[in-house]
Amino acid sequence: LVSVRIRCITVFYTLITCFVLRIPSLFALTVHRYDSCPDFVRSLAVEPQEWAMESEIYYFYDFYFIVFLQIFLPFGLLVGLNILIVIKLAKDTTVRKLSEAVSFNKRDDSIQKSNISSSIRNAVCTMLAIVFSYLICNSLHLGLTILERTQSSILITEEDETLASPFYTIFGDTVSILYMFTSSIRISIYAKFNPRMRRHIIAVFVELCTKCG
C-alpha cells in the first residue's frame, strides 16, 4: 500500500504540475472592462490578449494540448487501470476455483481469496462509476469547447452578436452543474462500492456529530 507520505508528495507535485501548465494562460488572458455597457454583469469579460489570438502555438496549447490533458489522458488512464483490475479479478477467480478443487482443507485460503476477489470487484464498480460520470461531463465540455472554437452561430443571438443565445446559456450552465454534481457524488460512489471507505466515512461523520453535539 502507498504510505501517507507518498500520497502527500504525489498531491504536492500534482498541484505544482497543474500550476506550471496554466502559467501560459496567466499571461494570455486579461480582464477587459466595458464602462459604456449598462449591464454590470457584462461590463467585465475575460478575453485573450492580442498576441494570444494571433499565436498558433498558444492556440495549439490552449485547445489541443489542454483538451488532451483534461479529457483524453485521464480517461485513457482510468480505462487502462480498470482493464488491469478486471484482468486481476479474472485471474483471482481462476486461482480460487483451482484452490477449492485441489484441497478441501484449504478453506481459509479460499475464503481469503474470495475476500480479495470481492475487494477487486468493488474497485471495478467504483472505477466504472467514476469513469462514466467523468465521461458524461467531459464529453459535453468538449462539445461546448468545439462550438466556441468554431464560433458557431447557435451560440449567439441574431439580433445582437455580443449577446449569448439561450442555448449557449443553458448548455454552459448544464455543463457547470454536472461538473459540480458529479464531483459531489463521488464520495457517495466510494461509500457505495467500498465497504472500508464506507465505514471510514461513517466514522468521520459520527465523530463530527459528536463534536458538534
C-alpha atoms as a PDB file:
ATOM      1  CA  LEU A   1       0.000   0.000   0.000  1.00  0.00           C
ATOM      2  CA  VAL A   2       1.051   3.556  -0.656  1.00  0.00           C
ATOM      3  CA  SER A   3       2.024   5.405   2.508  1.00  0.00           C
ATOM      4  CA  VAL A   4       0.507   8.709   3.578  1.00  0.00           C
ATOM      5  CA  ARG A   5       3.841  10.437   2.967  1.00  0.00           C
ATOM      6  CA  ILE A   6       3.935   9.234  -0.643  1.00  0.00           C
ATOM      7  CA  ARG A   7       0.360  10.404  -1.148  1.00  0.00           C
ATOM      8  CA  CYS A   8       1.173  13.864   0.175  1.00  0.00           C
ATOM      9  CA  ILE A   9       4.204  14.084  -2.104  1.00  0.00           C
ATOM     10  CA  THR A  10       2.067  12.989  -5.059  1.00  0.00           C
ATOM     11  CA  VAL A  11      -0.557  15.632  -4.313  1.00  0.00           C
ATOM     12  CA  PHE A  12       2.131  18.296  -3.938  1.00  0.00           C
ATOM     13  CA  TYR A  13       3.773  17.528  -7.276  1.00  0.00           C
ATOM     14  CA  THR A  14       0.373  17.261  -8.947  1.00  0.00           C
ATOM     15  CA  LEU A  15      -0.552  20.762  -7.781  1.00  0.00           C
ATOM     16  CA  ILE A  16       2.818  22.120  -8.918  1.00  0.00           C
ATOM     17  CA  THR A  17       2.371  20.497 -12.334  1.00  0.00           C
ATOM     18  CA  CYS A  18      -1.138  21.947 -12.716  1.00  0.00           C
ATOM     19  CA  PHE A  19       0.143  25.406 -11.778  1.00  0.00           C
ATOM     20  CA  VAL A  20       3.014  25.231 -14.276  1.00  0.00           C
ATOM     21  CA  LEU A  21       0.724  24.035 -17.065  1.00  0.00           C
ATOM     22  CA  ARG A  22      -1.557  27.029 -16.514  1.00  0.00           C
ATOM     23  CA  ILE A  23       1.198  29.673 -16.482  1.00  0.00           C
ATOM     24  CA  PRO A  24       0.715  30.486 -20.213  1.00  0.00           C
ATOM     25  CA  SER A  25      -2.953  31.286 -19.566  1.00  0.00           C
ATOM     26  CA  LEU A  26      -1.905  33.688 -16.810  1.00  0.00           C
ATOM     27  CA  PHE A  27      -0.132  35.863 -19.366  1.00  0.00           C
ATOM     28  CA  ALA A  28      -2.506  35.224 -22.274  1.00  0.00           C
ATOM     29  CA  LEU A  29      -5.777  36.199 -20.589  1.00  0.00           C
ATOM     30  CA  THR A  30      -6.821  39.588 -19.310  1.00  0.00           C
ATOM     31  CA  VAL A  31      -9.943  41.225 -17.897  1.00  0.00           C
ATOM     32  CA  HIS A  32     -11.461  43.825 -20.204  1.00  0.00           C
ATOM     33  CA  ARG A  33     -13.717  46.493 -18.798  1.00  0.00           C
ATOM     34  CA  TYR A  34     -16.624  47.877 -20.830  1.00  0.00           C
ATOM     35  CA  ASP A  35     -17.590  51.039 -18.977  1.00  0.00           C
ATOM     36  CA  SER A  36     -20.262  52.028 -21.505  1.00  0.00           C
ATOM     37  CA  CYS A  37     -22.156  48.780 -21.014  1.00  0.00           C
ATOM     38  CA  PRO A  38     -25.295  49.372 -18.890  1.00  0.00           C
ATOM     39  CA  ASP A  39     -25.339  45.757 -17.695  1.00  0.00           C
ATOM     40  CA  PHE A  40     -22.847  45.384 -14.841  1.00  0.00           C
ATOM     41  CA  VAL A  41     -22.574  41.622 -15.351  1.00  0.00           C
ATOM     42  CA  ARG A  42     -21.453  42.144 -18.947  1.00  0.00           C
ATOM     43  CA  SER A  43     -19.204  45.123 -18.193  1.00  0.00           C
ATOM     44  CA  LEU A  44     -16.296  42.805 -17.321  1.00  0.00           C
ATOM     45  CA  ALA A  45     -15.111  39.983 -19.535  1.00  0.00           C
ATOM     46  CA  VAL A  46     -12.113  37.675 -19.614  1.00  0.00           C
ATOM     47  CA  GLU A  47     -10.573  37.802 -23.084  1.00  0.00           C
ATOM     48  CA  PRO A  48      -7.295  36.661 -24.635  1.00  0.00           C
ATOM     49  CA  GLN A  49      -4.522  39.109 -25.311  1.00  0.00           C
ATOM     50  CA  GLU A  50      -3.953  40.185 -28.893  1.00  0.00           C
ATOM     51  CA  TRP A  51      -0.768  38.148 -29.189  1.00  0.00           C
ATOM     52  CA  ALA A  52      -2.571  35.044 -27.916  1.00  0.00           C
ATOM     53  CA  MET A  53      -5.291  35.413 -30.548  1.00  0.00           C
ATOM     54  CA  GLU A  54      -2.674  35.573 -33.303  1.00  0.00           C
ATOM     55  CA  SER A  55      -0.347  32.893 -31.949  1.00  0.00           C
ATOM     56  CA  GLU A  56      -0.754  29.432 -33.459  1.00  0.00           C
ATOM     57  CA  ILE A  57       1.417  27.980 -30.711  1.00  0.00           C
ATOM     58  CA  TYR A  58      -0.886  29.270 -27.977  1.00  0.00           C
ATOM     59  CA  TYR A  59      -3.923  28.057 -29.919  1.00  0.00           C
ATOM     60  CA  PHE A  60      -2.397  24.572 -30.082  1.00  0.00           C
ATOM     61  CA  TYR A  61      -1.578  24.708 -26.367  1.00  0.00           C
ATOM     62  CA  ASP A  62      -4.951  26.095 -25.259  1.00  0.00           C
ATOM     63  CA  PHE A  63      -7.098  23.812 -27.383  1.00  0.00           C
ATOM     64  CA  TYR A  64      -5.396  20.571 -28.428  1.00  0.00           C
ATOM     65  CA  PHE A  65      -2.864  20.176 -25.597  1.00  0.00           C
ATOM     66  CA  ILE A  66      -5.132  21.193 -22.711  1.00  0.00           C
ATOM     67  CA  VAL A  67      -8.088  19.222 -24.086  1.00  0.00           C
ATOM     68  CA  PHE A  68      -5.834  16.166 -24.337  1.00  0.00           C
ATOM     69  CA  LEU A  69      -4.624  16.602 -20.742  1.00  0.00           C
ATOM     70  CA  GLN A  70      -8.074  17.292 -19.296  1.00  0.00           C
ATOM     71  CA  ILE A  71     -10.166  14.762 -21.197  1.00  0.00           C
ATOM     72  CA  PHE A  72      -8.368  12.072 -23.176  1.00  0.00           C
ATOM     73  CA  LEU A  73      -5.356  11.386 -20.950  1.00  0.00           C
ATOM     74  CA  PRO A  74      -7.319  10.935 -17.667  1.00  0.00           C
ATOM     75  CA  PHE A  75      -9.981   8.899 -19.444  1.00  0.00           C
ATOM     76  CA  GLY A  76      -7.343   6.665 -21.015  1.00  0.00           C
ATOM     77  CA  LEU A  77      -5.628   6.155 -17.663  1.00  0.00           C
ATOM     78  CA  LEU A  78      -8.908   5.326 -15.926  1.00  0.00           C
ATOM     79  CA  VAL A  79      -9.913   2.841 -18.614  1.00  0.00           C
ATOM     80  CA  GLY A  80      -6.433   1.285 -18.600  1.00  0.00           C
ATOM     81  CA  LEU A  81      -6.453   0.866 -14.825  1.00  0.00           C
ATOM     82  CA  ASN A  82      -9.951  -0.577 -14.983  1.00  0.00           C
ATOM     83  CA  ILE A  83      -8.828  -3.155 -17.557  1.00  0.00           C
ATOM     84  CA  LEU A  84      -5.903  -4.159 -15.329  1.00  0.00           C
ATOM     85  CA  ILE A  85      -8.275  -4.620 -12.388  1.00  0.00           C
ATOM     86  CA  VAL A  86     -10.643  -6.758 -14.476  1.00  0.00           C
ATOM     87  CA  ILE A  87      -7.712  -8.939 -15.592  1.00  0.00           C
ATOM     88  CA  LYS A  88      -6.634  -9.278 -11.954  1.00  0.00           C
ATOM     89  CA  LEU A  89     -10.195 -10.221 -10.998  1.00  0.00           C
ATOM     90  CA  ALA A  90     -10.345 -12.923 -13.667  1.00  0.00           C
ATOM     91  CA  LYS A  91      -7.008 -14.417 -12.588  1.00  0.00           C
ATOM     92  CA  ASP A  92      -8.031 -14.300  -8.931  1.00  0.00           C
ATOM     93  CA  THR A  93     -11.297 -16.109  -9.661  1.00  0.00           C
ATOM     94  CA  THR A  94      -9.469 -18.843 -11.595  1.00  0.00           C
ATOM     95  CA  VAL A  95      -6.932 -19.346  -8.805  1.00  0.00           C
ATOM     96  CA  ARG A  96      -9.711 -19.522  -6.211  1.00  0.00           C
ATOM     97  CA  LYS A  97     -11.596 -22.206  -8.138  1.00  0.00           C
ATOM     98  CA  LEU A  98      -8.444 -24.285  -8.588  1.00  0.00           C
ATOM     99  CA  SER A  99      -7.646 -23.957  -4.896  1.00  0.00           C
ATOM    100  CA  GLU A 100     -11.100 -25.167  -3.920  1.00  0.00           C
ATOM    101  CA  ALA A 101     -10.849 -28.126  -6.288  1.00  0.00           C
ATOM    102  CA  VAL A 102      -7.369 -29.242  -5.166  1.00  0.00           C
ATOM    103  CA  SER A 103      -7.853 -29.353  -1.414  1.00  0.00           C
ATOM    104  CA  PHE A 104     -10.857 -29.233   0.856  1.00  0.00           C
ATOM    105  CA  ASN A 105      -8.612 -28.430   3.821  1.00  0.00           C
ATOM    106  CA  LYS A 106      -7.600 -25.046   2.440  1.00  0.00           C
ATOM    107  CA  ARG A 107     -10.861 -23.298   3.151  1.00  0.00           C
ATOM    108  CA  ASP A 108      -9.136 -20.448   4.929  1.00  0.00           C
ATOM    109  CA  ASP A 109      -7.115 -19.660   1.820  1.00  0.00           C
ATOM    110  CA  SER A 110     -10.217 -19.917  -0.304  1.00  0.00           C
ATOM    111  CA  ILE A 111     -12.112 -17.529   1.953  1.00  0.00           C
ATOM    112  CA  GLN A 112      -9.203 -15.120   1.860  1.00  0.00           C
ATOM    113  CA  LYS A 113      -9.096 -15.267  -1.937  1.00  0.00           C
ATOM    114  CA  SER A 114     -12.851 -14.697  -2.015  1.00  0.00           C
ATOM    115  CA  ASN A 115     -12.423 -11.587   0.107  1.00  0.00           C
ATOM    116  CA  ILE A 116      -9.702 -10.352  -2.234  1.00  0.00           C
ATOM    117  CA  SER A 117     -11.963 -11.038  -5.207  1.00  0.00           C
ATOM    118  CA  SER A 118     -14.769  -9.079  -3.547  1.00  0.00           C
ATOM    119  CA  SER A 119     -12.440  -6.132  -2.953  1.00  0.00           C
ATOM    120  CA  ILE A 120     -11.348  -6.136  -6.584  1.00  0.00           C
ATOM    121  CA  ARG A 121     -14.964  -6.341  -7.739  1.00  0.00           C
ATOM    122  CA  ASN A 122     -15.826  -3.338  -5.577  1.00  0.00           C
ATOM    123  CA  ALA A 123     -12.876  -1.484  -7.070  1.00  0.00           C
ATOM    124  CA  VAL A 124     -14.139  -2.255 -10.586  1.00  0.00           C
ATOM    125  CA  CYS A 125     -17.622  -0.935  -9.767  1.00  0.00           C
ATOM    126  CA  THR A 126     -16.119   2.201  -8.263  1.00  0.00           C
ATOM    127  CA  MET A 127     -13.896   2.766 -11.273  1.00  0.00           C
ATOM    128  CA  LEU A 128     -16.759   2.264 -13.736  1.00  0.00           C
ATOM    129  CA  ALA A 129     -18.997   4.714 -11.885  1.00  0.00           C
ATOM    130  CA  ILE A 130     -16.238   7.345 -11.756  1.00  0.00           C
ATOM    131  CA  VAL A 131     -15.327   6.840 -15.427  1.00  0.00           C
ATOM    132  CA  PHE A 132     -18.965   7.020 -16.526  1.00  0.00           C
ATOM    133  CA  SER A 133     -19.639  10.280 -14.667  1.00  0.00           C
ATOM    134  CA  TYR A 134     -16.323  11.685 -15.871  1.00  0.00           C
ATOM    135  CA  LEU A 135     -17.075  10.767 -19.490  1.00  0.00           C
ATOM    136  CA  ILE A 136     -20.506  12.423 -19.451  1.00  0.00           C
ATOM    137  CA  CYS A 137     -19.210  15.749 -18.132  1.00  0.00           C
ATOM    138  CA  ASN A 138     -16.120  15.919 -20.292  1.00  0.00           C
ATOM    139  CA  SER A 139     -17.930  14.891 -23.468  1.00  0.00           C
ATOM    140  CA  LEU A 140     -20.354  17.777 -23.021  1.00  0.00           C
ATOM    141  CA  HIS A 141     -17.486  20.112 -22.150  1.00  0.00           C
ATOM    142  CA  LEU A 142     -15.596  19.032 -25.273  1.00  0.00           C
ATOM    143  CA  GLY A 143     -18.674  19.664 -27.408  1.00  0.00           C
ATOM    144  CA  LEU A 144     -19.075  23.137 -25.913  1.00  0.00           C
ATOM    145  CA  THR A 145     -15.387  23.894 -26.451  1.00  0.00           C
ATOM    146  CA  ILE A 146     -15.593  22.880 -30.112  1.00  0.00           C
ATOM    147  CA  LEU A 147     -18.650  25.100 -30.628  1.00  0.00           C
ATOM    148  CA  GLU A 148     -16.814  28.012 -29.015  1.00  0.00           C
ATOM    149  CA  ARG A 149     -13.644  27.473 -31.046  1.00  0.00           C
ATOM    150  CA  THR A 150     -15.546  27.245 -34.319  1.00  0.00           C
ATOM    151  CA  GLN A 151     -17.613  30.324 -33.348  1.00  0.00           C
ATOM    152  CA  SER A 152     -20.844  28.511 -34.096  1.00  0.00           C
ATOM    153  CA  SER A 153     -23.842  30.717 -34.877  1.00  0.00           C
ATOM    154  CA  ILE A 154     -26.035  28.809 -32.412  1.00  0.00           C
ATOM    155  CA  LEU A 155     -24.076  30.360 -29.531  1.00  0.00           C
ATOM    156  CA  ILE A 156     -25.017  33.974 -30.307  1.00  0.00           C
ATOM    157  CA  THR A 157     -28.245  35.908 -30.726  1.00  0.00           C
ATOM    158  CA  GLU A 158     -29.012  37.012 -34.276  1.00  0.00           C
ATOM    159  CA  GLU A 159     -30.180  40.455 -33.155  1.00  0.00           C
ATOM    160  CA  ASP A 160     -27.070  41.105 -31.047  1.00  0.00           C
ATOM    161  CA  GLU A 161     -23.837  39.217 -31.763  1.00  0.00           C
ATOM    162  CA  THR A 162     -22.416  40.223 -28.380  1.00  0.00           C
ATOM    163  CA  LEU A 163     -25.301  38.518 -26.571  1.00  0.00           C
ATOM    164  CA  ALA A 164     -25.172  34.783 -25.840  1.00  0.00           C
ATOM    165  CA  SER A 165     -28.064  32.710 -27.139  1.00  0.00           C
ATOM    166  CA  PRO A 166     -30.396  30.866 -24.735  1.00  0.00           C
ATOM    167  CA  PHE A 167     -28.892  27.587 -25.986  1.00  0.00           C
ATOM    168  CA  TYR A 168     -25.386  28.762 -25.080  1.00  0.00           C
ATOM    169  CA  THR A 169     -26.505  29.856 -21.624  1.00  0.00           C
ATOM    170  CA  ILE A 170     -28.419  26.647 -20.892  1.00  0.00           C
ATOM    171  CA  PHE A 171     -25.699  24.395 -22.317  1.00  0.00           C
ATOM    172  CA  GLY A 172     -22.925  26.168 -20.403  1.00  0.00           C
ATOM    173  CA  ASP A 173     -24.881  26.112 -17.136  1.00  0.00           C
ATOM    174  CA  THR A 174     -25.715  22.430 -17.641  1.00  0.00           C
ATOM    175  CA  VAL A 175     -22.042  21.538 -18.044  1.00  0.00           C
ATOM    176  CA  SER A 176     -21.136  23.518 -14.908  1.00  0.00           C
ATOM    177  CA  ILE A 177     -23.943  21.940 -12.872  1.00  0.00           C
ATOM    178  CA  LEU A 178     -22.971  18.436 -13.998  1.00  0.00           C
ATOM    179  CA  TYR A 179     -19.358  19.081 -13.018  1.00  0.00           C
ATOM    180  CA  MET A 180     -20.411  20.143  -9.520  1.00  0.00           C
ATOM    181  CA  PHE A 181     -22.945  17.310  -9.200  1.00  0.00           C
ATOM    182  CA  THR A 182     -20.601  14.516 -10.279  1.00  0.00           C
ATOM    183  CA  SER A 183     -17.823  15.906  -8.093  1.00  0.00           C
ATOM    184  CA  SER A 184     -20.134  15.997  -5.069  1.00  0.00           C
ATOM    185  CA  ILE A 185     -21.446  12.440  -5.521  1.00  0.00           C
ATOM    186  CA  ARG A 186     -18.030  10.832  -5.852  1.00  0.00           C
ATOM    187  CA  ILE A 187     -17.797  10.398  -2.100  1.00  0.00           C
ATOM    188  CA  SER A 188     -21.160   8.589  -2.292  1.00  0.00           C
ATOM    189  CA  ILE A 189     -19.803   6.341  -5.049  1.00  0.00           C
ATOM    190  CA  TYR A 190     -16.789   5.398  -2.936  1.00  0.00           C
ATOM    191  CA  ALA A 191     -19.045   4.777   0.067  1.00  0.00           C
ATOM    192  CA  LYS A 192     -21.397   2.617  -2.000  1.00  0.00           C
ATOM    193  CA  PHE A 193     -18.839   0.244  -3.512  1.00  0.00           C
ATOM    194  CA  ASN A 194     -16.038   0.300  -0.923  1.00  0.00           C
ATOM    195  CA  PRO A 195     -17.074  -1.134   2.469  1.00  0.00           C
ATOM    196  CA  ARG A 196     -13.900   0.008   4.223  1.00  0.00           C
ATOM    197  CA  MET A 197     -14.277   3.511   2.828  1.00  0.00           C
ATOM    198  CA  ARG A 198     -17.945   3.493   3.848  1.00  0.00           C
ATOM    199  CA  ARG A 199     -17.066   2.594   7.427  1.00  0.00           C
ATOM    200  CA  HIS A 200     -14.400   5.301   7.486  1.00  0.00           C
ATOM    201  CA  ILE A 201     -16.826   7.951   6.171  1.00  0.00           C
ATOM    202  CA  ILE A 202     -19.471   6.954   8.708  1.00  0.00           C
ATOM    203  CA  ALA A 203     -16.887   7.111  11.499  1.00  0.00           C
ATOM    204  CA  VAL A 204     -15.833  10.604  10.394  1.00  0.00           C
ATOM    205  CA  PHE A 205     -19.436  11.836  10.337  1.00  0.00           C
ATOM    206  CA  VAL A 206     -20.141  10.274  13.732  1.00  0.00           C
ATOM    207  CA  GLU A 207     -17.058  11.976  15.150  1.00  0.00           C
ATOM    208  CA  LEU A 208     -18.110  15.327  13.682  1.00  0.00           C
ATOM    209  CA  CYS A 209     -21.645  14.954  15.038  1.00  0.00           C
ATOM    210  CA  THR A 210     -20.249  14.065  18.451  1.00  0.00           C
ATOM    211  CA  LYS A 211     -18.021  17.146  18.489  1.00  0.00           C
ATOM    212  CA  CYS A 212     -20.837  19.420  17.300  1.00  0.00           C
ATOM    213  CA  GLY A 213     -23.232  17.939  19.826  1.00  0.00           C
END
